[in-house]
Amino acid sequence: MATKKIARACDGIAPGFTILEVLVVLALVAILLMIAVPSYRQYIQRGERAEAIRLLLAVADCQERIRASTGLFDTTQCLDGISHPKYRWSIEPAGNTASIGFEAIAEPVRSDDDICGALSLDHTGSRSISSGKGTLSACWGGR
């Protein structure tokens, strides 16, 4: 009998969340997003940088094959088929069909990779970065 009275008394109250509970949940979600988004962005940048390094090594390999067959590097070749939407590609000295050296450069299209900047690899195997914020080993992934 007592439970029927309580049940009838609660009939007018709609179940749900209070505004305070909703605000607490929203604050927690915002805090988690503030932590997760920068970490995810860095993870994506490392992946893109690793792909750019792979392509730089492929360009250097192509130049070495040309040098093995002709005795000189040809900086007009080896960029065909090399593409990545986040990087611009070049080989210096540009347009030289008979060079004694080369430098392959992958420059970020957007400036959001300010840690490493442009990555470069030359004919001696020397690697470099254009930004002073990162370290060579961190930007080249220990390679």
N, C-alpha and C. Protein backbone atom coordinates (compact mmCIF):
# COMPACT_ATOMS: atom_id res chain seq x y z
N MET A 1 0.81 -1.18 0.00
CA MET A 1 0.00 0.00 0.00
C MET A 1 0.87 1.25 0.00
N ALA A 2 1.95 1.25 0.80
CA ALA A 2 2.83 2.42 0.88
C ALA A 2 3.55 2.65 -0.43
N THR A 3 3.90 1.59 -1.11
CA THR A 3 4.62 1.75 -2.39
C THR A 3 3.72 2.34 -3.45
N LYS A 4 2.43 2.05 -3.41
CA LYS A 4 1.51 2.62 -4.38
C LYS A 4 1.39 4.12 -4.17
N LYS A 5 1.40 4.58 -2.90
CA LYS A 5 1.32 6.01 -2.61
C LYS A 5 2.56 6.73 -3.12
N ILE A 6 3.74 6.10 -2.91
CA ILE A 6 5.00 6.72 -3.38
C ILE A 6 5.02 6.76 -4.90
N ALA A 7 4.57 5.68 -5.53
CA ALA A 7 4.57 5.63 -6.98
C ALA A 7 3.65 6.71 -7.55
N ARG A 8 2.48 6.92 -6.92
CA ARG A 8 1.58 7.95 -7.39
C ARG A 8 2.14 9.34 -7.16
N ALA A 9 2.90 9.51 -6.10
CA ALA A 9 3.49 10.81 -5.79
C ALA A 9 4.59 11.16 -6.79
N CYS A 10 5.27 10.16 -7.31
CA CYS A 10 6.38 10.40 -8.25
C CYS A 10 5.91 10.43 -9.70
N ASP A 11 4.64 10.20 -9.96
CA ASP A 11 4.14 10.19 -11.33
C ASP A 11 4.33 11.53 -12.02
N GLY A 12 4.28 12.63 -11.33
CA GLY A 12 4.38 13.95 -11.93
C GLY A 12 5.82 14.37 -12.23
N ILE A 13 6.82 13.63 -11.73
CA ILE A 13 8.23 14.00 -11.91
C ILE A 13 8.77 13.26 -13.13
N ALA A 14 9.28 14.00 -14.09
CA ALA A 14 9.85 13.40 -15.29
C ALA A 14 11.30 13.00 -15.02
N PRO A 15 11.69 11.77 -15.40
CA PRO A 15 13.09 11.37 -15.20
C PRO A 15 14.00 12.10 -16.20
N GLY A 16 15.25 12.35 -15.81
CA GLY A 16 16.17 13.04 -16.70
C GLY A 16 17.38 13.57 -15.95
N PHE A 17 18.14 14.42 -16.61
CA PHE A 17 19.35 14.98 -16.03
C PHE A 17 19.12 16.43 -15.65
N THR A 18 19.80 16.86 -14.64
CA THR A 18 19.74 18.27 -14.28
C THR A 18 20.75 19.03 -15.14
N ILE A 19 20.59 20.31 -15.20
CA ILE A 19 21.50 21.13 -15.99
C ILE A 19 22.92 21.06 -15.44
N LEU A 20 23.05 20.92 -14.14
CA LEU A 20 24.37 20.81 -13.52
C LEU A 20 25.09 19.53 -13.96
N GLU A 21 24.36 18.42 -14.02
CA GLU A 21 24.96 17.16 -14.47
C GLU A 21 25.41 17.25 -15.92
N VAL A 22 24.63 17.88 -16.75
CA VAL A 22 24.99 18.05 -18.15
C VAL A 22 26.24 18.92 -18.28
N LEU A 23 26.32 20.00 -17.52
CA LEU A 23 27.50 20.87 -17.57
C LEU A 23 28.76 20.16 -17.10
N VAL A 24 28.64 19.34 -16.06
CA VAL A 24 29.81 18.58 -15.58
C VAL A 24 30.31 17.63 -16.66
N VAL A 25 29.40 16.93 -17.31
CA VAL A 25 29.78 16.01 -18.38
C VAL A 25 30.43 16.77 -19.54
N LEU A 26 29.88 17.90 -19.92
CA LEU A 26 30.46 18.71 -21.00
C LEU A 26 31.86 19.21 -20.64
N ALA A 27 32.05 19.58 -19.38
CA ALA A 27 33.38 20.04 -18.94
C ALA A 27 34.39 18.90 -19.01
N LEU A 28 33.99 17.71 -18.60
CA LEU A 28 34.89 16.56 -18.67
C LEU A 28 35.25 16.21 -20.11
N VAL A 29 34.29 16.26 -21.00
CA VAL A 29 34.55 15.98 -22.42
C VAL A 29 35.49 17.03 -23.00
N ALA A 30 35.30 18.28 -22.63
CA ALA A 30 36.18 19.35 -23.12
C ALA A 30 37.61 19.15 -22.64
N ILE A 31 37.78 18.76 -21.40
CA ILE A 31 39.13 18.52 -20.86
C ILE A 31 39.79 17.36 -21.60
N LEU A 32 39.06 16.29 -21.82
CA LEU A 32 39.62 15.14 -22.55
C LEU A 32 40.01 15.52 -23.97
N LEU A 33 39.20 16.34 -24.63
CA LEU A 33 39.53 16.78 -25.99
C LEU A 33 40.76 17.67 -26.01
N MET A 34 40.92 18.52 -24.99
CA MET A 34 42.09 19.39 -24.92
C MET A 34 43.37 18.58 -24.78
N ILE A 35 43.28 17.42 -24.17
CA ILE A 35 44.45 16.56 -24.01
C ILE A 35 44.66 15.71 -25.27
N ALA A 36 43.60 15.18 -25.84
CA ALA A 36 43.71 14.21 -26.92
C ALA A 36 44.05 14.83 -28.28
N VAL A 37 43.48 15.96 -28.61
CA VAL A 37 43.66 16.53 -29.96
C VAL A 37 45.11 16.89 -30.26
N PRO A 38 45.85 17.57 -29.38
CA PRO A 38 47.26 17.85 -29.70
C PRO A 38 48.10 16.58 -29.84
N SER A 39 47.84 15.58 -29.02
CA SER A 39 48.58 14.32 -29.14
C SER A 39 48.30 13.65 -30.47
N TYR A 40 47.06 13.66 -30.89
CA TYR A 40 46.68 13.07 -32.17
C TYR A 40 47.32 13.84 -33.32
N ARG A 41 47.35 15.16 -33.23
CA ARG A 41 47.95 15.99 -34.28
C ARG A 41 49.45 15.68 -34.41
N GLN A 42 50.14 15.52 -33.28
CA GLN A 42 51.56 15.18 -33.32
C GLN A 42 51.77 13.78 -33.92
N TYR A 43 50.89 12.87 -33.61
CA TYR A 43 50.97 11.53 -34.16
C TYR A 43 50.83 11.57 -35.68
N ILE A 44 49.87 12.33 -36.18
CA ILE A 44 49.66 12.46 -37.62
C ILE A 44 50.88 13.11 -38.28
N GLN A 45 51.44 14.15 -37.67
CA GLN A 45 52.63 14.80 -38.24
C GLN A 45 53.81 13.85 -38.31
N ARG A 46 54.00 13.03 -37.29
CA ARG A 46 55.10 12.05 -37.32
C ARG A 46 54.92 11.06 -38.46
N GLY A 47 53.69 10.64 -38.70
CA GLY A 47 53.40 9.72 -39.80
C GLY A 47 53.68 10.36 -41.15
N GLU A 48 53.24 11.61 -41.31
CA GLU A 48 53.50 12.32 -42.57
C GLU A 48 55.00 12.54 -42.78
N ARG A 49 55.70 12.87 -41.70
CA ARG A 49 57.15 13.07 -41.79
C ARG A 49 57.86 11.78 -42.17
N ALA A 50 57.41 10.65 -41.62
CA ALA A 50 58.01 9.36 -41.95
C ALA A 50 57.82 9.04 -43.43
N GLU A 51 56.67 9.36 -43.97
CA GLU A 51 56.43 9.14 -45.40
C GLU A 51 57.31 10.05 -46.24
N ALA A 52 57.50 11.30 -45.82
CA ALA A 52 58.38 12.22 -46.54
C ALA A 52 59.83 11.71 -46.51
N ILE A 53 60.26 11.18 -45.39
CA ILE A 53 61.62 10.63 -45.29
C ILE A 53 61.76 9.43 -46.22
N ARG A 54 60.76 8.59 -46.27
CA ARG A 54 60.81 7.44 -47.17
C ARG A 54 60.96 7.88 -48.61
N LEU A 55 60.21 8.92 -48.99
CA LEU A 55 60.29 9.42 -50.36
C LEU A 55 61.63 10.11 -50.63
N LEU A 56 62.18 10.82 -49.65
CA LEU A 56 63.52 11.41 -49.82
C LEU A 56 64.57 10.33 -50.05
N LEU A 57 64.48 9.25 -49.31
CA LEU A 57 65.41 8.15 -49.49
C LEU A 57 65.24 7.50 -50.86
N ALA A 58 64.01 7.45 -51.37
CA ALA A 58 63.77 6.91 -52.71
C ALA A 58 64.39 7.82 -53.78
N VAL A 59 64.30 9.14 -53.60
CA VAL A 59 64.92 10.08 -54.53
C VAL A 59 66.44 9.91 -54.51
N ALA A 60 67.01 9.80 -53.33
CA ALA A 60 68.47 9.61 -53.22
C ALA A 60 68.90 8.30 -53.86
N ASP A 61 68.11 7.26 -53.69
CA ASP A 61 68.41 5.97 -54.32
C ASP A 61 68.37 6.09 -55.84
N CYS A 62 67.38 6.80 -56.36
CA CYS A 62 67.28 7.02 -57.80
C CYS A 62 68.49 7.80 -58.32
N GLN A 63 68.90 8.84 -57.61
CA GLN A 63 70.07 9.62 -58.02
C GLN A 63 71.33 8.75 -58.01
N GLU A 64 71.47 7.88 -57.04
CA GLU A 64 72.64 7.01 -56.97
C GLU A 64 72.65 6.02 -58.14
N ARG A 65 71.47 5.54 -58.55
CA ARG A 65 71.41 4.64 -59.72
C ARG A 65 71.85 5.38 -60.98
N ILE A 66 71.43 6.64 -61.12
CA ILE A 66 71.83 7.45 -62.28
C ILE A 66 73.34 7.65 -62.26
N ARG A 67 73.89 7.97 -61.11
CA ARG A 67 75.33 8.19 -60.99
C ARG A 67 76.12 6.91 -61.29
N ALA A 68 75.57 5.77 -60.89
CA ALA A 68 76.25 4.50 -61.15
C ALA A 68 76.32 4.21 -62.65
N SER A 69 75.31 4.65 -63.40
CA SER A 69 75.31 4.35 -64.84
C SER A 69 75.97 5.44 -65.68
N THR A 70 75.93 6.71 -65.24
CA THR A 70 76.48 7.80 -66.06
C THR A 70 77.71 8.46 -65.45
N GLY A 71 77.94 8.27 -64.18
CA GLY A 71 79.08 8.89 -63.52
C GLY A 71 78.76 10.22 -62.86
N LEU A 72 77.57 10.79 -63.14
CA LEU A 72 77.16 12.08 -62.55
C LEU A 72 75.70 12.00 -62.14
N PHE A 73 75.31 12.89 -61.26
CA PHE A 73 73.90 12.98 -60.84
C PHE A 73 73.14 13.81 -61.87
N ASP A 74 71.84 13.53 -62.02
CA ASP A 74 70.97 14.29 -62.92
C ASP A 74 69.78 14.78 -62.10
N THR A 75 69.81 16.06 -61.72
CA THR A 75 68.77 16.60 -60.84
C THR A 75 67.47 16.92 -61.56
N THR A 76 67.42 16.66 -62.86
CA THR A 76 66.16 16.85 -63.59
C THR A 76 65.28 15.60 -63.49
N GLN A 77 65.81 14.53 -62.95
CA GLN A 77 65.07 13.27 -62.87
C GLN A 77 64.78 12.92 -61.41
N CYS A 78 64.04 11.86 -61.23
CA CYS A 78 63.75 11.23 -59.93
C CYS A 78 62.61 11.85 -59.13
N LEU A 79 62.02 12.93 -59.60
CA LEU A 79 60.86 13.47 -58.87
C LEU A 79 59.54 13.02 -59.48
N ASP A 80 59.61 12.30 -60.62
CA ASP A 80 58.39 11.77 -61.23
C ASP A 80 57.80 10.70 -60.31
N GLY A 81 56.54 10.81 -60.01
CA GLY A 81 55.88 9.84 -59.14
C GLY A 81 56.07 10.11 -57.66
N ILE A 82 56.90 11.10 -57.31
CA ILE A 82 57.09 11.45 -55.91
C ILE A 82 56.07 12.53 -55.58
N SER A 83 55.10 12.17 -54.75
CA SER A 83 54.11 13.18 -54.37
C SER A 83 53.60 12.87 -52.97
N HIS A 84 53.35 13.90 -52.28
CA HIS A 84 52.76 13.83 -50.94
C HIS A 84 52.05 15.16 -50.76
N PRO A 85 50.78 15.16 -50.40
CA PRO A 85 50.02 16.41 -50.35
C PRO A 85 50.53 17.41 -49.31
N LYS A 86 51.31 16.97 -48.36
CA LYS A 86 51.77 17.87 -47.29
C LYS A 86 53.15 18.45 -47.54
N TYR A 87 53.84 18.02 -48.62
CA TYR A 87 55.21 18.46 -48.87
C TYR A 87 55.42 18.89 -50.31
N ARG A 88 56.31 19.88 -50.50
CA ARG A 88 56.81 20.29 -51.82
C ARG A 88 58.17 19.66 -51.99
N TRP A 89 58.46 19.17 -53.19
CA TRP A 89 59.68 18.43 -53.45
C TRP A 89 60.59 19.20 -54.40
N SER A 90 61.88 19.13 -54.14
CA SER A 90 62.85 19.74 -55.06
C SER A 90 64.20 19.04 -54.91
N ILE A 91 65.00 19.16 -55.96
CA ILE A 91 66.37 18.66 -55.93
C ILE A 91 67.26 19.82 -56.37
N GLU A 92 68.25 20.12 -55.56
CA GLU A 92 69.20 21.19 -55.86
C GLU A 92 70.53 20.59 -56.27
N PRO A 93 71.29 21.13 -57.17
CA PRO A 93 70.98 22.29 -58.01
C PRO A 93 69.93 21.92 -59.05
N ALA A 94 68.92 22.73 -59.14
CA ALA A 94 67.77 22.45 -59.99
C ALA A 94 68.14 22.49 -61.47
N GLY A 95 67.61 21.54 -62.23
CA GLY A 95 67.76 21.55 -63.68
C GLY A 95 69.15 21.20 -64.19
N ASN A 96 69.97 20.58 -63.39
CA ASN A 96 71.34 20.25 -63.79
C ASN A 96 71.39 18.78 -64.22
N THR A 97 71.76 18.52 -65.47
CA THR A 97 71.80 17.14 -65.96
C THR A 97 73.14 16.46 -65.70
N ALA A 98 74.14 17.23 -65.28
CA ALA A 98 75.46 16.64 -64.99
C ALA A 98 76.04 17.32 -63.75
N SER A 99 75.64 16.83 -62.60
CA SER A 99 76.05 17.44 -61.34
C SER A 99 76.92 16.47 -60.55
N ILE A 100 77.85 17.02 -59.79
CA ILE A 100 78.69 16.16 -58.95
C ILE A 100 78.06 15.95 -57.57
N GLY A 101 76.95 16.60 -57.28
CA GLY A 101 76.25 16.45 -56.01
C GLY A 101 74.80 16.84 -56.15
N PHE A 102 74.03 16.54 -55.13
CA PHE A 102 72.61 16.93 -55.11
C PHE A 102 72.16 17.07 -53.67
N GLU A 103 71.05 17.77 -53.50
CA GLU A 103 70.37 17.84 -52.22
C GLU A 103 68.88 17.73 -52.48
N ALA A 104 68.26 16.68 -51.97
CA ALA A 104 66.82 16.48 -52.10
C ALA A 104 66.15 17.13 -50.90
N ILE A 105 65.09 17.91 -51.17
CA ILE A 105 64.43 18.69 -50.12
C ILE A 105 62.93 18.40 -50.12
N ALA A 106 62.39 18.16 -48.93
CA ALA A 106 60.95 18.03 -48.72
C ALA A 106 60.54 19.15 -47.78
N GLU A 107 59.82 20.13 -48.32
CA GLU A 107 59.42 21.30 -47.54
C GLU A 107 57.93 21.21 -47.24
N PRO A 108 57.54 21.36 -45.96
CA PRO A 108 56.11 21.30 -45.63
C PRO A 108 55.31 22.39 -46.33
N VAL A 109 54.16 22.03 -46.85
CA VAL A 109 53.29 23.00 -47.54
C VAL A 109 52.71 23.98 -46.55
N ARG A 110 52.23 23.47 -45.41
CA ARG A 110 51.68 24.33 -44.36
C ARG A 110 52.73 24.51 -43.28
N SER A 111 52.60 25.54 -42.52
CA SER A 111 53.61 25.84 -41.50
C SER A 111 53.28 25.23 -40.14
N ASP A 112 52.38 24.23 -40.10
CA ASP A 112 52.03 23.65 -38.80
C ASP A 112 53.09 22.68 -38.28
N ASP A 113 54.05 22.29 -39.15
CA ASP A 113 55.16 21.45 -38.69
C ASP A 113 56.36 22.35 -38.42
N ASP A 114 56.26 23.15 -37.37
CA ASP A 114 57.34 24.10 -37.05
C ASP A 114 58.44 23.45 -36.22
N ILE A 115 58.28 22.20 -35.83
CA ILE A 115 59.30 21.51 -35.05
C ILE A 115 60.49 21.13 -35.93
N CYS A 116 60.21 20.58 -37.11
CA CYS A 116 61.29 20.12 -37.98
C CYS A 116 61.48 21.03 -39.20
N GLY A 117 60.42 21.53 -39.75
CA GLY A 117 60.52 22.33 -40.97
C GLY A 117 60.85 21.45 -42.15
N ALA A 118 61.65 21.97 -43.08
CA ALA A 118 62.02 21.22 -44.28
C ALA A 118 63.06 20.15 -43.93
N LEU A 119 62.89 19.00 -44.55
CA LEU A 119 63.84 17.90 -44.40
C LEU A 119 64.69 17.85 -45.66
N SER A 120 65.98 17.61 -45.52
CA SER A 120 66.83 17.50 -46.71
C SER A 120 67.86 16.39 -46.54
N LEU A 121 68.25 15.85 -47.69
CA LEU A 121 69.20 14.75 -47.76
C LEU A 121 70.11 15.02 -48.94
N ASP A 122 71.42 14.97 -48.74
CA ASP A 122 72.33 15.26 -49.85
C ASP A 122 73.05 13.99 -50.34
N HIS A 123 73.92 14.18 -51.32
CA HIS A 123 74.59 13.05 -51.97
C HIS A 123 75.55 12.31 -51.05
N THR A 124 75.97 12.91 -49.96
CA THR A 124 76.86 12.23 -49.01
C THR A 124 76.08 11.45 -47.95
N GLY A 125 74.75 11.59 -47.95
CA GLY A 125 73.91 10.95 -46.95
C GLY A 125 73.67 11.82 -45.74
N SER A 126 74.14 13.07 -45.81
CA SER A 126 73.96 14.01 -44.71
C SER A 126 72.50 14.47 -44.65
N ARG A 127 71.91 14.39 -43.47
CA ARG A 127 70.52 14.78 -43.28
C ARG A 127 70.46 16.09 -42.52
N SER A 128 69.44 16.90 -42.80
CA SER A 128 69.29 18.15 -42.06
C SER A 128 67.82 18.54 -41.97
N ILE A 129 67.56 19.48 -41.06
CA ILE A 129 66.23 20.06 -40.89
C ILE A 129 66.40 21.57 -40.91
N SER A 130 65.33 22.28 -41.28
CA SER A 130 65.45 23.73 -41.39
C SER A 130 65.05 24.47 -40.12
N SER A 131 64.36 23.81 -39.21
CA SER A 131 63.92 24.47 -37.98
C SER A 131 64.88 24.13 -36.85
N GLY A 132 65.08 25.10 -35.97
CA GLY A 132 65.95 24.88 -34.83
C GLY A 132 65.22 24.36 -33.60
N LYS A 133 63.91 24.14 -33.71
CA LYS A 133 63.13 23.70 -32.55
C LYS A 133 63.26 22.21 -32.29
N GLY A 134 63.44 21.42 -33.35
CA GLY A 134 63.52 19.97 -33.19
C GLY A 134 64.96 19.49 -33.27
N THR A 135 65.16 18.24 -32.92
CA THR A 135 66.49 17.65 -33.06
C THR A 135 66.52 16.80 -34.32
N LEU A 136 67.70 16.63 -34.87
CA LEU A 136 67.86 15.86 -36.10
C LEU A 136 67.39 14.42 -35.90
N SER A 137 67.77 13.80 -34.80
CA SER A 137 67.39 12.40 -34.58
C SER A 137 65.89 12.26 -34.36
N ALA A 138 65.26 13.22 -33.70
CA ALA A 138 63.82 13.14 -33.48
C ALA A 138 63.06 13.35 -34.78
N CYS A 139 63.50 14.30 -35.59
CA CYS A 139 62.79 14.60 -36.84
C CYS A 139 62.99 13.51 -37.88
N TRP A 140 64.16 12.91 -37.91
CA TRP A 140 64.42 11.84 -38.88
C TRP A 140 64.08 10.47 -38.31
N GLY A 141 63.48 10.42 -37.15
CA GLY A 141 63.01 9.17 -36.58
C GLY A 141 64.14 8.20 -36.23
N GLY A 142 65.31 8.73 -35.89
CA GLY A 142 66.42 7.87 -35.53
C GLY A 142 67.13 7.25 -36.71
N ARG A 143 66.75 7.64 -37.93
CA ARG A 143 67.39 7.08 -39.13
C ARG A 143 68.66 7.79 -39.45
